PDB file of N, CA and C in Angstrom:
ATOM      1  N   UNK A   1     177.721  22.952 147.542  1.00  0.00           N
ATOM      2  CA  UNK A   1     178.790  23.624 146.824  1.00  0.00           C
ATOM      3  C   UNK A   1     179.267  22.697 145.713  1.00  0.00           C
ATOM      4  N   UNK A   2     179.328  23.204 144.488  1.00  0.00           N
ATOM      5  CA  UNK A   2     179.809  22.385 143.380  1.00  0.00           C
ATOM      6  C   UNK A   2     181.332  22.313 143.417  1.00  0.00           C
ATOM      7  N   UNK A   3     181.873  21.270 142.814  1.00  0.00           N
ATOM      8  CA  UNK A   3     183.324  21.082 142.803  1.00  0.00           C
ATOM      9  C   UNK A   3     183.957  21.972 141.745  1.00  0.00           C
ATOM     10  N   UNK A   4     184.971  22.687 142.143  1.00  0.00           N
ATOM     11  CA  UNK A   4     185.723  23.532 141.230  1.00  0.00           C
ATOM     12  C   UNK A   4     186.848  22.712 140.618  1.00  0.00           C
ATOM     13  N   UNK A   5     187.213  23.031 139.389  1.00  0.00           N
ATOM     14  CA  UNK A   5     188.309  22.350 138.704  1.00  0.00           C
ATOM     15  C   UNK A   5     189.618  23.028 139.104  1.00  0.00           C
ATOM     16  N   UNK A   6     190.218  22.536 140.180  1.00  0.00           N
ATOM     17  CA  UNK A   6     191.466  23.106 140.680  1.00  0.00           C
ATOM     18  C   UNK A   6     192.622  22.479 139.910  1.00  0.00           C
ATOM     19  N   UNK A   7     193.390  23.323 139.244  1.00  0.00           N
ATOM     20  CA  UNK A   7     194.507  22.856 138.430  1.00  0.00           C
ATOM     21  C   UNK A   7     195.785  22.701 139.248  1.00  0.00           C
ATOM     22  N   UNK A   8     195.952  23.593 140.210  1.00  0.00           N
ATOM     23  CA  UNK A   8     197.174  23.590 141.000  1.00  0.00           C
ATOM     24  C   UNK A   8     196.920  24.367 142.285  1.00  0.00           C
ATOM     25  N   UNK A   9     197.696  24.067 143.321  1.00  0.00           N
ATOM     26  CA  UNK A   9     197.573  24.795 144.579  1.00  0.00           C
ATOM     27  C   UNK A   9     198.960  25.099 145.128  1.00  0.00           C
ATOM     28  N   UNK A  10     199.078  26.253 145.725  1.00  0.00           N
ATOM     29  CA  UNK A  10     200.313  26.635 146.409  1.00  0.00           C
ATOM     30  C   UNK A  10     199.954  26.810 147.878  1.00  0.00           C
ATOM     31  N   UNK A  11     200.632  26.052 148.719  1.00  0.00           N
ATOM     32  CA  UNK A  11     200.320  26.038 150.142  1.00  0.00           C
ATOM     33  C   UNK A  11     201.541  26.542 150.901  1.00  0.00           C
ATOM     34  N   UNK A  12     201.344  27.564 151.720  1.00  0.00           N
ATOM     35  CA  UNK A  12     202.455  28.190 152.435  1.00  0.00           C
ATOM     36  C   UNK A  12     202.262  28.052 153.941  1.00  0.00           C
ATOM     37  N   UNK A  13     203.370  27.786 154.624  1.00  0.00           N
ATOM     38  CA  UNK A  13     203.375  27.640 156.073  1.00  0.00           C
ATOM     39  C   UNK A  13     204.308  28.676 156.693  1.00  0.00           C
ATOM     40  N   UNK A  14     204.025  29.036 157.929  1.00  0.00           N
ATOM     41  CA  UNK A  14     204.888  29.912 158.712  1.00  0.00           C
ATOM     42  C   UNK A  14     204.949  29.326 160.113  1.00  0.00           C
ATOM     43  N   UNK A  15     206.144  29.047 160.576  1.00  0.00           N
ATOM     44  CA  UNK A  15     206.331  28.433 161.898  1.00  0.00           C
ATOM     45  C   UNK A  15     205.483  27.170 162.054  1.00  0.00           C
ATOM     46  N   UNK A  16     205.486  26.334 161.019  1.00  0.00           N
ATOM     47  CA  UNK A  16     204.780  25.050 160.987  1.00  0.00           C
ATOM     48  C   UNK A  16     203.257  25.163 160.987  1.00  0.00           C
ATOM     49  N   UNK A  17     202.737  26.370 160.766  1.00  0.00           N
ATOM     50  CA  UNK A  17     201.287  26.576 160.721  1.00  0.00           C
ATOM     51  C   UNK A  17     200.879  27.059 159.329  1.00  0.00           C
ATOM     52  N   UNK A  18     199.746  26.594 158.886  1.00  0.00           N
ATOM     53  CA  UNK A  18     199.213  26.989 157.592  1.00  0.00           C
ATOM     54  C   UNK A  18     198.996  28.493 157.579  1.00  0.00           C
ATOM     55  N   UNK A  19     199.585  29.165 156.599  1.00  0.00           N
ATOM     56  CA  UNK A  19     199.543  30.626 156.535  1.00  0.00           C
ATOM     57  C   UNK A  19     198.724  31.143 155.353  1.00  0.00           C
ATOM     58  N   UNK A  20     198.857  30.478 154.179  1.00  0.00           N
ATOM     59  CA  UNK A  20     198.202  30.972 152.966  1.00  0.00           C
ATOM     60  C   UNK A  20     198.016  29.813 151.985  1.00  0.00           C
ATOM     61  N   UNK A  21     196.882  29.828 151.303  1.00  0.00           N
ATOM     62  CA  UNK A  21     196.611  28.869 150.236  1.00  0.00           C
ATOM     63  C   UNK A  21     196.190  29.679 149.012  1.00  0.00           C
ATOM     64  N   UNK A  22     196.812  29.368 147.880  1.00  0.00           N
ATOM     65  CA  UNK A  22     196.420  29.975 146.610  1.00  0.00           C
ATOM     66  C   UNK A  22     196.095  28.836 145.658  1.00  0.00           C
ATOM     67  N   UNK A  23     194.949  28.908 145.013  1.00  0.00           N
ATOM     68  CA  UNK A  23     194.539  27.858 144.077  1.00  0.00           C
ATOM     69  C   UNK A  23     194.359  28.445 142.685  1.00  0.00           C
ATOM     70  N   UNK A  24     194.732  27.662 141.688  1.00  0.00           N
ATOM     71  CA  UNK A  24     194.534  28.008 140.291  1.00  0.00           C
ATOM     72  C   UNK A  24     193.327  27.218 139.829  1.00  0.00           C
ATOM     73  N   UNK A  25     192.298  27.909 139.380  1.00  0.00           N
ATOM     74  CA  UNK A  25     191.011  27.285 139.090  1.00  0.00           C
ATOM     75  C   UNK A  25     190.589  27.558 137.651  1.00  0.00           C
ATOM     76  N   UNK A  26     190.177  26.509 136.955  1.00  0.00           N
ATOM     77  CA  UNK A  26     189.602  26.688 135.620  1.00  0.00           C
ATOM     78  C   UNK A  26     188.096  26.832 135.810  1.00  0.00           C
ATOM     79  N   UNK A  27     187.613  28.051 135.681  1.00  0.00           N
ATOM     80  CA  UNK A  27     186.199  28.356 135.885  1.00  0.00           C
ATOM     81  C   UNK A  27     185.371  27.774 134.746  1.00  0.00           C
ATOM     82  N   UNK A  28     185.846  27.995 133.525  1.00  0.00           N
ATOM     83  CA  UNK A  28     185.261  27.401 132.318  1.00  0.00           C
ATOM     84  C   UNK A  28     186.408  27.271 131.322  1.00  0.00           C
ATOM     85  N   UNK A  29     186.182  26.610 130.227  1.00  0.00           N
ATOM     86  CA  UNK A  29     187.273  26.378 129.275  1.00  0.00           C
ATOM     87  C   UNK A  29     187.954  27.689 128.897  1.00  0.00           C
ATOM     88  N   UNK A  30     189.244  27.781 129.215  1.00  0.00           N
ATOM     89  CA  UNK A  30     190.024  28.974 128.892  1.00  0.00           C
ATOM     90  C   UNK A  30     189.952  30.089 129.913  1.00  0.00           C
ATOM     91  N   UNK A  31     189.052  30.006 130.875  1.00  0.00           N
ATOM     92  CA  UNK A  31     188.912  31.026 131.919  1.00  0.00           C
ATOM     93  C   UNK A  31     189.561  30.498 133.193  1.00  0.00           C
ATOM     94  N   UNK A  32     190.826  30.856 133.385  1.00  0.00           N
ATOM     95  CA  UNK A  32     191.606  30.359 134.520  1.00  0.00           C
ATOM     96  C   UNK A  32     191.915  31.529 135.446  1.00  0.00           C
ATOM     97  N   UNK A  33     191.599  31.352 136.722  1.00  0.00           N
ATOM     98  CA  UNK A  33     191.793  32.406 137.716  1.00  0.00           C
ATOM     99  C   UNK A  33     192.491  31.835 138.946  1.00  0.00           C
ATOM    100  N   UNK A  34     193.064  32.730 139.739  1.00  0.00           N
ATOM    101  CA  UNK A  34     193.709  32.324 140.989  1.00  0.00           C
ATOM    102  C   UNK A  34     193.021  33.023 142.157  1.00  0.00           C
ATOM    103  N   UNK A  35     192.758  32.251 143.203  1.00  0.00           N
ATOM    104  CA  UNK A  35     192.129  32.765 144.417  1.00  0.00           C
ATOM    105  C   UNK A  35     192.975  32.363 145.611  1.00  0.00           C
ATOM    106  N   UNK A  36     192.945  33.183 146.662  1.00  0.00           N
ATOM    107  CA  UNK A  36     193.749  32.876 147.846  1.00  0.00           C
ATOM    108  C   UNK A  36     192.981  33.152 149.129  1.00  0.00           C
ATOM    109  N   UNK A  37     193.474  32.541 150.177  1.00  0.00           N
ATOM    110  CA  UNK A  37     192.978  32.809 151.526  1.00  0.00           C
ATOM    111  C   UNK A  37     194.184  32.765 152.465  1.00  0.00           C
ATOM    112  N   UNK A  38     194.158  33.616 153.473  1.00  0.00           N
ATOM    113  CA  UNK A  38     195.223  33.660 154.469  1.00  0.00           C
ATOM    114  C   UNK A  38     194.601  33.528 155.858  1.00  0.00           C
ATOM    115  N   UNK A  39     195.428  33.590 156.855  1.00  0.00           N
ATOM    116  CA  UNK A  39     194.931  33.532 158.229  1.00  0.00           C
ATOM    117  C   UNK A  39     194.422  34.895 158.691  1.00  0.00           C
ATOM    118  N   UNK A  40     194.672  35.911 157.905  1.00  0.00           N
ATOM    119  CA  UNK A  40     194.220  37.268 158.227  1.00  0.00           C
ATOM    120  C   UNK A  40     192.792  37.468 157.724  1.00  0.00           C
ATOM    121  N   UNK A  41     191.832  37.710 158.599  1.00  0.00           N
ATOM    122  CA  UNK A  41     190.454  37.928 158.155  1.00  0.00           C
ATOM    123  C   UNK A  41     190.344  39.139 157.218  1.00  0.00           C
ATOM    124  N   UNK A  42     189.539  38.963 156.160  1.00  0.00           N
ATOM    125  CA  UNK A  42     189.256  40.038 155.198  1.00  0.00           C
ATOM    126  C   UNK A  42     187.746  40.099 155.031  1.00  0.00           C
ATOM    127  N   UNK A  43     187.155  41.265 155.220  1.00  0.00           N
ATOM    128  CA  UNK A  43     185.704  41.374 155.102  1.00  0.00           C
ATOM    129  C   UNK A  43     185.198  40.877 153.740  1.00  0.00           C
ATOM    130  N   UNK A  44     184.218  40.002 153.781  1.00  0.00           N
ATOM    131  CA  UNK A  44     183.607  39.505 152.559  1.00  0.00           C
ATOM    132  C   UNK A  44     184.271  38.290 151.947  1.00  0.00           C
ATOM    133  N   UNK A  45     185.406  37.857 152.497  1.00  0.00           N
ATOM    134  CA  UNK A  45     186.127  36.708 151.956  1.00  0.00           C
ATOM    135  C   UNK A  45     186.453  35.726 153.072  1.00  0.00           C
ATOM    136  N   UNK A  46     186.692  34.494 152.679  1.00  0.00           N
ATOM    137  CA  UNK A  46     187.034  33.494 153.692  1.00  0.00           C
ATOM    138  C   UNK A  46     188.462  33.707 154.183  1.00  0.00           C
ATOM    139  N   UNK A  47     188.745  33.190 155.360  1.00  0.00           N
ATOM    140  CA  UNK A  47     190.114  33.151 155.855  1.00  0.00           C
ATOM    141  C   UNK A  47     190.352  31.777 156.477  1.00  0.00           C
ATOM    142  N   UNK A  48     191.601  31.442 156.620  1.00  0.00           N
ATOM    143  CA  UNK A  48     191.979  30.136 157.157  1.00  0.00           C
ATOM    144  C   UNK A  48     191.898  30.187 158.676  1.00  0.00           C
ATOM    145  N   UNK A  49     191.142  29.285 159.234  1.00  0.00           N
ATOM    146  CA  UNK A  49     190.993  29.215 160.686  1.00  0.00           C
ATOM    147  C   UNK A  49     192.257  28.634 161.315  1.00  0.00           C
ATOM    148  N   UNK A  50     192.633  29.089 162.507  1.00  0.00           N
ATOM    149  CA  UNK A  50     193.794  28.507 163.193  1.00  0.00           C
ATOM    150  C   UNK A  50     193.612  26.994 163.343  1.00  0.00           C
ATOM    151  N   UNK A  51     194.667  26.259 163.089  1.00  0.00           N
ATOM    152  CA  UNK A  51     194.618  24.807 163.226  1.00  0.00           C
ATOM    153  C   UNK A  51     194.041  24.081 162.027  1.00  0.00           C
ATOM    154  N   UNK A  52     193.705  24.800 160.961  1.00  0.00           N
ATOM    155  CA  UNK A  52     193.148  24.160 159.766  1.00  0.00           C
ATOM    156  C   UNK A  52     194.168  23.209 159.154  1.00  0.00           C
ATOM    157  N   UNK A  53     193.645  22.127 158.600  1.00  0.00           N
ATOM    158  CA  UNK A  53     194.472  21.141 157.910  1.00  0.00           C
ATOM    159  C   UNK A  53     194.165  21.239 156.419  1.00  0.00           C
ATOM    160  N   UNK A  54     195.193  21.037 155.597  1.00  0.00           N
ATOM    161  CA  UNK A  54     195.000  21.063 154.154  1.00  0.00           C
ATOM    162  C   UNK A  54     194.153  19.861 153.746  1.00  0.00           C
ATOM    163  N   UNK A  55     193.122  20.113 152.974  1.00  0.00           N
ATOM    164  CA  UNK A  55     192.250  19.051 152.476  1.00  0.00           C
ATOM    165  C   UNK A  55     191.619  19.528 151.178  1.00  0.00           C
ATOM    166  N   UNK A  56     191.051  18.601 150.437  1.00  0.00           N
ATOM    167  CA  UNK A  56     190.348  18.980 149.220  1.00  0.00           C
ATOM    168  C   UNK A  56     189.197  19.927 149.551  1.00  0.00           C
ATOM    169  N   UNK A  57     188.517  19.673 150.646  1.00  0.00           N
ATOM    170  CA  UNK A  57     187.406  20.541 151.050  1.00  0.00           C
ATOM    171  C   UNK A  57     187.885  21.981 151.278  1.00  0.00           C
ATOM    172  N   UNK A  58     189.034  22.142 151.935  1.00  0.00           N
ATOM    173  CA  UNK A  58     189.569  23.485 152.177  1.00  0.00           C
ATOM    174  C   UNK A  58     189.972  24.146 150.857  1.00  0.00           C
ATOM    175  N   UNK A  59     190.593  23.398 149.955  1.00  0.00           N
ATOM    176  CA  UNK A  59     190.958  23.952 148.649  1.00  0.00           C
ATOM    177  C   UNK A  59     189.715  24.396 147.875  1.00  0.00           C
ATOM    178  N   UNK A  60     188.647  23.615 147.959  1.00  0.00           N
ATOM    179  CA  UNK A  60     187.397  23.965 147.289  1.00  0.00           C
ATOM    180  C   UNK A  60     186.805  25.252 147.881  1.00  0.00           C
ATOM    181  N   UNK A  61     186.908  25.413 149.191  1.00  0.00           N
ATOM    182  CA  UNK A  61     186.402  26.638 149.837  1.00  0.00           C
ATOM    183  C   UNK A  61     187.200  27.857 149.389  1.00  0.00           C
ATOM    184  N   UNK A  62     188.527  27.704 149.273  1.00  0.00           N
ATOM    185  CA  UNK A  62     189.351  28.818 148.798  1.00  0.00           C
ATOM    186  C   UNK A  62     188.936  29.182 147.372  1.00  0.00           C
ATOM    187  N   UNK A  63     188.714  28.177 146.526  1.00  0.00           N
ATOM    188  CA  UNK A  63     188.304  28.423 145.137  1.00  0.00           C
ATOM    189  C   UNK A  63     186.958  29.146 145.076  1.00  0.00           C
ATOM    190  N   UNK A  64     186.061  28.833 145.980  1.00  0.00           N
ATOM    191  CA  UNK A  64     184.730  29.414 145.952  1.00  0.00           C
ATOM    192  C   UNK A  64     184.577  30.724 146.692  1.00  0.00           C
ATOM    193  N   UNK A  65     185.358  30.910 147.759  1.00  0.00           N
ATOM    194  CA  UNK A  65     185.132  32.070 148.630  1.00  0.00           C
ATOM    195  C   UNK A  65     186.377  32.895 148.918  1.00  0.00           C
ATOM    196  N   UNK A  66     187.504  32.543 148.292  1.00  0.00           N
ATOM    197  CA  UNK A  66     188.737  33.280 148.515  1.00  0.00           C
ATOM    198  C   UNK A  66     188.781  34.587 147.732  1.00  0.00           C
ATOM    199  N   UNK A  67     189.831  35.343 147.945  1.00  0.00           N
ATOM    200  CA  UNK A  67     190.047  36.606 147.240  1.00  0.00           C
ATOM    201  C   UNK A  67     190.763  36.327 145.927  1.00  0.00           C
ATOM    202  N   UNK A  68     190.350  36.998 144.878  1.00  0.00           N
ATOM    203  CA  UNK A  68     191.007  36.831 143.581  1.00  0.00           C
ATOM    204  C   UNK A  68     192.348  37.559 143.608  1.00  0.00           C
ATOM    205  N   UNK A  69     193.360  36.939 143.027  1.00  0.00           N
ATOM    206  CA  UNK A  69     194.662  37.588 142.913  1.00  0.00           C
ATOM    207  C   UNK A  69     194.987  37.832 141.446  1.00  0.00           C
ATOM    208  N   UNK A  70     195.607  38.937 141.183  1.00  0.00           N
ATOM    209  CA  UNK A  70     196.013  39.267 139.823  1.00  0.00           C
ATOM    210  C   UNK A  70     197.430  38.766 139.526  1.00  0.00           C
ATOM    211  N   UNK A  71     198.083  38.150 140.508  1.00  0.00           N
ATOM    212  CA  UNK A  71     199.441  37.626 140.363  1.00  0.00           C
ATOM    213  C   UNK A  71     199.457  36.180 139.875  1.00  0.00           C
ATOM    214  N   UNK A  72     198.421  35.747 139.201  1.00  0.00           N
ATOM    215  CA  UNK A  72     198.295  34.361 138.743  1.00  0.00           C
ATOM    216  C   UNK A  72     199.544  33.875 138.015  1.00  0.00           C
ATOM    217  N   UNK A  73     200.031  34.650 137.055  1.00  0.00           N
ATOM    218  CA  UNK A  73     201.167  34.218 136.245  1.00  0.00           C
ATOM    219  C   UNK A  73     202.476  34.219 137.034  1.00  0.00           C
ATOM    220  N   UNK A  74     202.566  35.040 138.048  1.00  0.00           N
ATOM    221  CA  UNK A  74     203.758  35.072 138.899  1.00  0.00           C
ATOM    222  C   UNK A  74     203.748  33.888 139.876  1.00  0.00           C
ATOM    223  N   UNK A  75     202.593  33.584 140.433  1.00  0.00           N
ATOM    224  CA  UNK A  75     202.473  32.497 141.408  1.00  0.00           C
ATOM    225  C   UNK A  75     202.545  31.136 140.733  1.00  0.00           C
ATOM    226  N   UNK A  76     201.918  31.008 139.574  1.00  0.00           N
ATOM    227  CA  UNK A  76     201.895  29.751 138.820  1.00  0.00           C
ATOM    228  C   UNK A  76     202.490  30.001 137.428  1.00  0.00           C
ATOM    229  N   UNK A  77     203.813  30.168 137.320  1.00  0.00           N
ATOM    230  CA  UNK A  77     204.421  30.607 136.058  1.00  0.00           C
ATOM    231  C   UNK A  77     204.245  29.658 134.872  1.00  0.00           C
ATOM    232  N   UNK A  78     204.066  28.381 135.086  1.00  0.00           N
ATOM    233  CA  UNK A  78     203.987  27.433 133.968  1.00  0.00           C
ATOM    234  C   UNK A  78     202.584  26.869 133.758  1.00  0.00           C
ATOM    235  N   UNK A  79     201.592  27.564 134.270  1.00  0.00           N
ATOM    236  CA  UNK A  79     200.238  27.002 134.206  1.00  0.00           C
ATOM    237  C   UNK A  79     199.726  26.852 132.778  1.00  0.00           C
ATOM    238  N   UNK A  80     200.084  27.758 131.890  1.00  0.00           N
ATOM    239  CA  UNK A  80     199.569  27.693 130.510  1.00  0.00           C
ATOM    240  C   UNK A  80     200.057  26.445 129.790  1.00  0.00           C
ATOM    241  N   UNK A  81     201.304  26.069 130.005  1.00  0.00           N
ATOM    242  CA  UNK A  81     201.847  24.895 129.331  1.00  0.00           C
ATOM    243  C   UNK A  81     201.194  23.610 129.860  1.00  0.00           C
ATOM    244  N   UNK A  82     200.859  23.589 131.137  1.00  0.00           N
ATOM    245  CA  UNK A  82     200.184  22.416 131.722  1.00  0.00           C
ATOM    246  C   UNK A  82     198.764  22.281 131.178  1.00  0.00           C
ATOM    247  N   UNK A  83     198.093  23.407 131.003  1.00  0.00           N
ATOM    248  CA  UNK A  83     196.723  23.379 130.498  1.00  0.00           C
ATOM    249  C   UNK A  83     196.689  22.992 129.022  1.00  0.00           C
ATOM    250  N   UNK A  84     197.698  23.411 128.265  1.00  0.00           N
ATOM    251  CA  UNK A  84     197.761  23.100 126.832  1.00  0.00           C
ATOM    252  C   UNK A  84     197.917  21.601 126.602  1.00  0.00           C
ATOM    253  N   UNK A  85     198.494  20.900 127.567  1.00  0.00           N
ATOM    254  CA  UNK A  85     198.705  19.453 127.425  1.00  0.00           C
ATOM    255  C   UNK A  85     197.486  18.616 127.703  1.00  0.00           C
ATOM    256  N   UNK A  86     196.369  19.229 128.036  1.00  0.00           N
ATOM    257  CA  UNK A  86     195.140  18.490 128.354  1.00  0.00           C
ATOM    258  C   UNK A  86     194.538  17.871 127.110  1.00  0.00           C
TER     259      UNK A  86
END
């Protein structure tokens, strides 16, 4: 698996357990997308296994096999300004 250029990640917990991970990924210059994974299995997409720990490897899996979200700008409201500073 090649390394994805993850710009930012949002990690959510519920009752001290990992519940959802959303990553902002620059696929290619100017092509920025957001992908997520939850603990709820979804056919065709990865889900977070019970007891999973946050790691770069897990973030990379979400970027590669997670579900695409159209709420990118709502979840990561200032992402454009961060990318412009590169």
